[in-house]
Amino acid sequence: MDEHAGADVAAPLSGAGFEEMIAALTARFGGFDASADGRLADFRWHADFRAGGALTLTTGRYSGAWDLRSSQDTPQCLAIVIPRKGALNARIGGRTVDGHPGSLVIASNFDAEHFLVRGDEHVSDVLFIDWSVIEQTVSAMLERPFSGSLGFQPLLDLSGSGGRTLALMAETIVEGMREGALLASPAALSHMTQGFADLLVRGLPHRLSGQLGAPSAMIAPRHVHRAMDYMRENIAKPMTMPMIAAAAGVSVRALENGFRAFRDTTPALYLRTIRLRAVREDLLDPFNDMPVRDICLKWGFFHVGRFSALYRATYGENPSDAKKRRDGLRAREHV
C-alpha cells in the first residue's frame, strides 16, 4: 500500500522560462496574475510541491525578480510565507511589508494586493491553508457562520515569544511534509492543520480578535451547554425545541432566555447555524461527490431555493460556487 495514499507529492519542477514557470504554477494552484520585474534572460526557477488534506507546501527558488497577484481564479487560502533567502515585498490590506529571513509573511486572497519576489536568488517555503479551515475555526469560536476577510497582521517578527511559537509549528509542519511523515498519516496532518489554524486565529491580531476573546462562552449556564451538545450530537436528525429543552432539563422559555442572554441568539438560529456550517464543510470537501440538493437534505434543509438564499446571505456566494471550487480543487490534485 502506498504510504502517501491520499497525499499529493509532485516531482520537483524547474526551468529557465518565466512563462513556463507561470504555466506550471497555474496547473498546480489555479489562475493568478504575474509579471517579470527585470531581465528574463537570466531567469531561473525551481519549485517543489507537497499537498495533503487542506494543506499545501511549496518550496520555491528563483533567480530573478517577479510580481505575483491573485485573481478571481485563485483558490481561497491563507498563505504563510517563510523567507529563507532574499526578500519579499508585499502590499497586504493597504500596508506595505518587507519579508526577510527571520519573519513570516501572512496573507489571504482577500487582503493581498501583490507580492514582489526580490534578490539575486530568492528561496522560500510557503504553506497554503484552505480558507475553509480558517472559516470553520472562526465559526466554531464565535458559534456563528463566518466568511470574508479577517485582516490578519501581515508581518510577524520571530523574535517575540508568540512569533517563535507560530514559527516552530510552521517549521514542524514543513519538515513533516517534506520528509513524508505527515503525508503518510492523514489523521496527524489533519490535526496539525487544525491546530495551526487555531493558533493563527487565536495568536495573531485581526479584526475579530476582540470578539474571540469575549468571556460569554465561559459563563454560559449548564443547560445552554447541554442544549448545544445535544444539537451538535443530533445535527442530522429531526428535532424540535421541546425536544432540545427536554434534553437540557429546562422549559422552552428558559432555554430561549438562556440562549438570548449568553449567546445573543435563539436555539433555532443556533441549530440553523451549525447545520449551515455542516453544509459548507461538505460543499468544500474535495472527496465529497454528493450534489448540492442531497447535501441540503442530509442536513435538514428541505427547500433548496430558500436554502440557497440563506447560504448566499451568510457566505456571500451560491452553494454551486462552493461546489465548483471543490471540483476544481479535486481536478488540480489529479494533475
Protein backbone atom coordinates (compact mmCIF):
# COMPACT_ATOMS: atom_id res chain seq x y z
CA MET A 1 0.00 0.00 0.00
CA ASP A 2 1.30 3.49 -0.88
CA GLU A 3 2.42 5.17 2.34
CA HIS A 4 1.33 8.53 0.90
CA ALA A 5 -2.16 7.43 -0.12
CA GLY A 6 -4.39 10.49 -0.23
CA ALA A 7 -1.39 12.81 -0.45
CA ASP A 8 -0.11 14.70 -3.48
CA VAL A 9 3.66 14.64 -3.89
CA ALA A 10 4.65 16.07 -7.27
CA ALA A 11 8.03 15.70 -8.89
CA PRO A 12 10.12 18.90 -8.50
CA LEU A 13 9.80 21.28 -11.43
CA SER A 14 12.46 23.65 -12.75
CA GLY A 15 13.27 25.67 -15.81
CA ALA A 16 14.63 28.85 -17.33
CA GLY A 17 11.48 30.37 -18.80
CA PHE A 18 9.20 32.78 -16.95
CA GLU A 19 6.10 31.82 -18.94
CA GLU A 20 6.94 28.15 -18.41
CA MET A 21 7.02 28.76 -14.65
CA ILE A 22 3.66 30.54 -14.70
CA ALA A 23 2.08 27.66 -16.65
CA ALA A 24 3.46 25.11 -14.16
CA LEU A 25 2.30 27.06 -11.09
CA THR A 26 -1.11 27.71 -12.62
CA ALA A 27 -1.56 23.97 -13.20
CA ARG A 28 -0.89 23.38 -9.52
CA PHE A 29 -2.76 26.29 -7.89
CA GLY A 30 -5.24 27.72 -10.36
CA GLY A 31 -5.11 31.06 -12.10
CA PHE A 32 -3.17 34.09 -10.91
CA ASP A 33 -1.55 37.16 -12.46
CA ALA A 34 2.22 37.58 -12.68
CA SER A 35 4.83 39.68 -14.42
CA ALA A 36 8.63 39.70 -14.56
CA ASP A 37 10.44 42.59 -12.89
CA GLY A 38 13.71 42.76 -14.80
CA ARG A 39 15.64 40.79 -17.40
CA LEU A 40 14.21 37.42 -18.40
CA ALA A 41 17.42 36.16 -20.00
CA ASP A 42 18.91 35.21 -16.63
CA PHE A 43 15.67 34.00 -15.03
CA ARG A 44 15.78 30.54 -13.41
CA TRP A 45 13.28 28.78 -11.20
CA HIS A 46 12.74 25.57 -9.22
CA ALA A 47 9.59 24.54 -7.35
CA ASP A 48 8.68 21.56 -5.18
CA PHE A 49 5.04 20.78 -4.25
CA ARG A 50 3.60 18.61 -1.49
CA ALA A 51 -0.08 18.56 -0.53
CA GLY A 52 -2.35 16.66 1.81
CA GLY A 53 -5.86 17.43 3.02
CA ALA A 54 -6.32 21.18 3.36
CA LEU A 55 -2.60 21.99 3.39
CA THR A 56 -0.10 22.57 0.57
CA LEU A 57 3.64 23.18 0.88
CA THR A 58 5.57 24.88 -1.92
CA THR A 59 9.32 25.37 -1.82
CA GLY A 60 10.47 27.86 -4.45
CA ARG A 61 13.87 29.02 -5.64
CA TYR A 62 14.03 31.93 -8.10
CA SER A 63 17.00 33.75 -9.64
CA GLY A 64 15.03 36.76 -10.90
CA ALA A 65 12.54 39.26 -9.51
CA TRP A 66 8.85 38.87 -10.33
CA ASP A 67 5.49 40.19 -9.20
CA LEU A 68 2.55 37.97 -8.17
CA ARG A 69 -1.12 38.93 -7.77
CA SER A 70 -4.11 36.71 -7.04
CA SER A 71 -7.07 36.70 -9.42
CA GLN A 72 -10.68 35.56 -9.34
CA ASP A 73 -9.48 32.08 -10.33
CA THR A 74 -7.06 31.76 -7.39
CA PRO A 75 -8.39 29.31 -4.77
CA GLN A 76 -9.22 30.98 -1.46
CA CYS A 77 -6.47 30.27 1.03
CA LEU A 78 -4.24 31.68 3.74
CA ALA A 79 -0.57 31.83 2.74
CA ILE A 80 2.20 31.68 5.34
CA VAL A 81 5.46 32.65 3.63
CA ILE A 82 8.75 31.65 5.28
CA PRO A 83 11.58 33.52 3.51
CA ARG A 84 14.85 31.57 3.54
CA LYS A 85 17.00 33.74 1.29
CA GLY A 86 16.41 37.05 -0.46
CA ALA A 87 13.48 39.34 0.25
CA LEU A 88 9.77 39.64 -0.37
CA ASN A 89 7.89 42.93 -0.69
CA ALA A 90 4.13 42.73 -0.33
CA ARG A 91 1.13 45.02 -0.31
CA ILE A 92 -1.39 43.47 2.09
CA GLY A 93 -4.55 45.12 3.43
CA GLY A 94 -3.31 48.56 2.47
CA ARG A 95 0.06 48.04 4.19
CA THR A 96 3.48 47.56 2.59
CA VAL A 97 5.59 44.92 4.34
CA ASP A 98 9.13 43.64 3.77
CA GLY A 99 9.55 39.94 4.41
CA HIS A 100 13.04 38.55 5.06
CA PRO A 101 14.65 35.56 6.81
CA GLY A 102 13.59 35.74 10.46
CA SER A 103 10.00 36.76 9.69
CA LEU A 104 6.71 35.30 8.48
CA VAL A 105 4.50 37.00 5.90
CA ILE A 106 0.81 36.10 6.30
CA ALA A 107 -1.91 36.96 3.80
CA SER A 108 -5.21 35.71 2.40
CA ASN A 109 -6.62 36.31 -1.07
CA PHE A 110 -8.96 38.89 0.45
CA ASP A 111 -6.13 41.13 1.67
CA ALA A 112 -3.10 40.52 -0.58
CA GLU A 113 -2.74 43.05 -3.38
CA HIS A 114 0.60 41.84 -4.71
CA PHE A 115 3.88 40.13 -3.82
CA LEU A 116 7.26 41.10 -5.29
CA VAL A 117 9.90 38.36 -5.07
CA ARG A 118 13.36 40.01 -4.87
CA GLY A 119 17.01 39.06 -4.64
CA ASP A 120 19.68 37.62 -6.93
CA GLU A 121 18.47 34.33 -5.50
CA HIS A 122 15.23 34.05 -3.58
CA VAL A 123 14.30 30.90 -1.61
CA SER A 124 11.13 30.49 0.43
CA ASP A 125 8.75 27.90 1.81
CA VAL A 126 5.03 28.72 1.57
CA LEU A 127 2.29 26.91 3.48
CA PHE A 128 -1.18 27.32 1.96
CA ILE A 129 -4.17 26.54 4.21
CA ASP A 130 -7.57 26.22 2.53
CA TRP A 131 -9.61 29.23 3.65
CA SER A 132 -12.48 26.90 4.57
CA VAL A 133 -10.36 25.68 7.53
CA ILE A 134 -9.96 29.26 8.77
CA GLU A 135 -13.69 29.92 8.28
CA GLN A 136 -14.61 26.79 10.24
CA THR A 137 -12.15 27.63 13.02
CA VAL A 138 -13.53 31.15 13.45
CA SER A 139 -17.13 29.93 13.15
CA ALA A 140 -16.55 27.37 15.89
CA MET A 141 -15.06 30.03 18.18
CA LEU A 142 -17.82 32.56 17.51
CA GLU A 143 -20.52 29.87 17.30
CA ARG A 144 -21.99 31.55 14.23
CA PRO A 145 -21.11 31.45 10.50
CA PHE A 146 -18.13 33.46 9.36
CA SER A 147 -16.90 34.33 5.88
CA GLY A 148 -14.75 37.01 4.29
CA SER A 149 -11.54 38.68 5.41
CA LEU A 150 -10.02 38.54 8.88
CA GLY A 151 -7.38 41.15 8.13
CA PHE A 152 -4.52 39.26 9.76
CA GLN A 153 -1.45 41.22 10.84
CA PRO A 154 0.63 40.63 7.70
CA LEU A 155 4.18 40.53 9.11
CA LEU A 156 5.32 38.53 12.11
CA ASP A 157 8.72 39.08 13.69
CA LEU A 158 10.02 35.78 15.04
CA SER A 159 11.99 37.35 17.89
CA GLY A 160 8.90 37.56 20.14
CA SER A 161 7.52 34.58 22.08
CA GLY A 162 4.28 34.44 20.09
CA GLY A 163 6.20 34.64 16.82
CA ARG A 164 8.57 31.87 17.89
CA THR A 165 5.67 29.56 18.78
CA LEU A 166 3.99 30.03 15.39
CA ALA A 167 7.32 29.69 13.58
CA LEU A 168 8.15 26.47 15.46
CA MET A 169 4.82 24.92 14.49
CA ALA A 170 5.21 26.08 10.88
CA GLU A 171 8.70 24.58 10.72
CA THR A 172 7.43 21.31 12.21
CA ILE A 173 4.73 21.06 9.52
CA VAL A 174 7.19 21.96 6.74
CA GLU A 175 9.69 19.34 7.91
CA GLY A 176 6.98 16.71 8.44
CA MET A 177 5.55 17.23 4.94
CA ARG A 178 8.97 17.40 3.28
CA GLU A 179 10.21 14.21 4.93
CA GLY A 180 6.87 12.49 4.33
CA ALA A 181 5.92 11.59 7.91
CA LEU A 182 2.85 13.86 7.97
CA LEU A 183 1.79 12.91 4.45
CA ALA A 184 1.90 9.24 5.48
CA SER A 185 -0.59 9.95 8.28
CA PRO A 186 -3.66 11.92 7.07
CA ALA A 187 -5.08 11.97 10.61
CA ALA A 188 -1.90 13.54 12.02
CA LEU A 189 -1.78 16.06 9.17
CA SER A 190 -5.42 16.99 9.75
CA HIS A 191 -4.80 17.54 13.49
CA MET A 192 -1.67 19.60 12.78
CA THR A 193 -3.53 21.70 10.20
CA GLN A 194 -6.40 22.39 12.58
CA GLY A 195 -4.05 23.12 15.47
CA PHE A 196 -2.04 25.53 13.32
CA ALA A 197 -5.22 27.28 12.16
CA ASP A 198 -6.38 27.60 15.77
CA LEU A 199 -3.02 29.05 16.82
CA LEU A 200 -3.07 31.56 13.94
CA VAL A 201 -6.62 32.71 14.69
CA ARG A 202 -6.05 32.99 18.44
CA GLY A 203 -2.47 34.28 18.35
CA LEU A 204 -2.37 36.83 15.52
CA PRO A 205 -4.08 40.23 15.71
CA HIS A 206 -7.00 40.60 13.28
CA ARG A 207 -10.32 42.42 13.05
CA LEU A 208 -12.24 39.86 15.18
CA SER A 209 -9.62 39.39 17.91
CA GLY A 210 -11.74 41.25 20.44
CA GLN A 211 -14.80 39.09 19.79
CA LEU A 212 -12.83 35.87 20.08
CA GLY A 213 -11.63 36.97 23.48
CA ALA A 214 -15.16 37.60 24.82
CA PRO A 215 -15.87 35.63 28.02
CA SER A 216 -19.51 34.72 27.25
CA ALA A 217 -18.70 31.12 26.30
CA MET A 218 -17.12 30.51 29.71
CA ILE A 219 -20.02 31.78 31.78
CA ALA A 220 -22.98 30.29 29.92
CA PRO A 221 -25.07 28.11 32.26
CA ARG A 222 -25.02 24.34 32.05
CA HIS A 223 -28.42 23.98 30.39
CA VAL A 224 -27.23 26.13 27.46
CA HIS A 225 -24.15 23.94 27.02
CA ARG A 226 -26.30 20.79 27.32
CA ALA A 227 -28.61 22.09 24.60
CA MET A 228 -25.67 22.95 22.35
CA ASP A 229 -24.15 19.50 22.88
CA TYR A 230 -27.48 17.83 22.10
CA MET A 231 -27.90 19.78 18.86
CA ARG A 232 -24.34 19.03 17.72
CA GLU A 233 -24.66 15.31 18.52
CA ASN A 234 -28.01 15.03 16.70
CA ILE A 235 -27.41 17.61 13.99
CA ALA A 236 -28.60 15.40 11.12
CA LYS A 237 -31.75 14.20 12.94
CA PRO A 238 -35.16 15.92 13.09
CA MET A 239 -35.60 17.83 16.34
CA THR A 240 -37.98 20.35 17.89
CA MET A 241 -37.47 22.99 20.53
CA PRO A 242 -39.38 20.94 23.16
CA MET A 243 -37.02 18.01 22.43
CA ILE A 244 -33.96 20.24 22.87
CA ALA A 245 -35.35 21.80 26.06
CA ALA A 246 -36.10 18.35 27.49
CA ALA A 247 -32.53 17.22 26.75
CA ALA A 248 -31.24 20.34 28.52
CA GLY A 249 -33.56 19.78 31.50
CA VAL A 250 -35.37 23.13 31.31
CA SER A 251 -38.51 24.63 29.82
CA VAL A 252 -38.58 26.02 26.28
CA ARG A 253 -38.87 29.56 27.70
CA ALA A 254 -35.83 29.09 29.97
CA LEU A 255 -33.90 27.68 27.02
CA GLU A 256 -34.80 30.67 24.84
CA ASN A 257 -33.85 33.12 27.60
CA GLY A 258 -30.53 31.36 28.21
CA PHE A 259 -29.52 31.50 24.55
CA ARG A 260 -30.52 35.15 24.20
CA ALA A 261 -28.60 36.14 27.33
CA PHE A 262 -25.43 34.13 26.80
CA ARG A 263 -25.27 33.51 23.04
CA ASP A 264 -27.09 36.55 21.67
CA THR A 265 -29.20 34.23 19.51
CA THR A 266 -32.03 31.71 19.79
CA PRO A 267 -31.79 27.90 19.93
CA ALA A 268 -33.44 27.67 16.49
CA LEU A 269 -30.92 30.08 14.94
CA TYR A 270 -28.04 28.26 16.61
CA LEU A 271 -29.24 24.95 15.13
CA ARG A 272 -29.55 26.54 11.71
CA THR A 273 -26.04 27.98 12.07
CA ILE A 274 -24.34 24.67 12.81
CA ARG A 275 -26.29 22.96 10.03
CA LEU A 276 -25.22 25.67 7.58
CA ARG A 277 -21.62 25.12 8.67
CA ALA A 278 -22.01 21.36 8.08
CA VAL A 279 -23.35 22.02 4.59
CA ARG A 280 -20.41 24.28 3.79
CA GLU A 281 -17.91 21.69 5.00
CA ASP A 282 -19.50 19.10 2.69
CA LEU A 283 -19.58 21.51 -0.26
CA LEU A 284 -15.87 22.31 0.16
CA ASP A 285 -14.76 18.72 0.81
CA PRO A 286 -12.87 17.62 -2.35
CA PHE A 287 -13.67 13.97 -1.57
CA ASN A 288 -17.44 14.53 -1.32
CA ASP A 289 -19.25 13.78 -4.60
CA MET A 290 -22.80 14.48 -3.35
CA PRO A 291 -24.83 17.02 -5.37
CA VAL A 292 -25.96 20.21 -3.66
CA ARG A 293 -29.57 19.04 -3.28
CA ASP A 294 -28.56 15.83 -1.47
CA ILE A 295 -26.27 17.74 0.88
CA CYS A 296 -29.13 20.11 1.73
CA LEU A 297 -31.45 17.22 2.54
CA LYS A 298 -28.76 15.47 4.57
CA TRP A 299 -28.53 18.43 6.96
CA GLY A 300 -32.24 19.20 7.22
CA PHE A 301 -32.76 21.89 4.57
CA PHE A 302 -35.76 20.70 2.56
CA HIS A 303 -36.46 23.78 0.43
CA VAL A 304 -33.46 24.23 -1.86
CA GLY A 305 -34.49 27.70 -3.07
CA ARG A 306 -34.83 29.15 0.43
CA PHE A 307 -31.64 27.39 1.48
CA SER A 308 -29.68 28.91 -1.44
CA ALA A 309 -30.82 32.41 -0.46
CA LEU A 310 -29.84 31.79 3.18
CA TYR A 311 -26.46 30.36 2.18
CA ARG A 312 -25.76 33.30 -0.14
CA ALA A 313 -26.67 35.82 2.58
CA THR A 314 -24.38 34.04 5.05
CA TYR A 315 -21.31 33.23 2.95
CA GLY A 316 -21.53 35.72 0.09
CA GLU A 317 -21.69 33.08 -2.65
CA ASN A 318 -24.09 30.47 -4.03
CA PRO A 319 -23.80 26.82 -2.93
CA SER A 320 -22.99 25.97 -6.54
CA ASP A 321 -19.97 28.34 -6.42
CA ALA A 322 -18.52 26.45 -3.46
CA LYS A 323 -19.13 23.15 -5.25
CA LYS A 324 -17.31 24.42 -8.35
CA ARG A 325 -14.29 25.35 -6.22
CA ARG A 326 -14.40 21.89 -4.66
CA ASP A 327 -14.50 20.23 -8.07
CA GLY A 328 -11.68 22.47 -9.29
CA LEU A 329 -9.51 21.55 -6.28
CA ARG A 330 -10.12 17.85 -6.89
CA ALA A 331 -9.18 18.26 -10.56
CA ARG A 332 -5.91 20.02 -9.66
CA GLU A 333 -4.99 17.27 -7.19
CA HIS A 334 -5.08 14.81 -10.09
CA VAL A 335 -2.86 16.92 -12.36
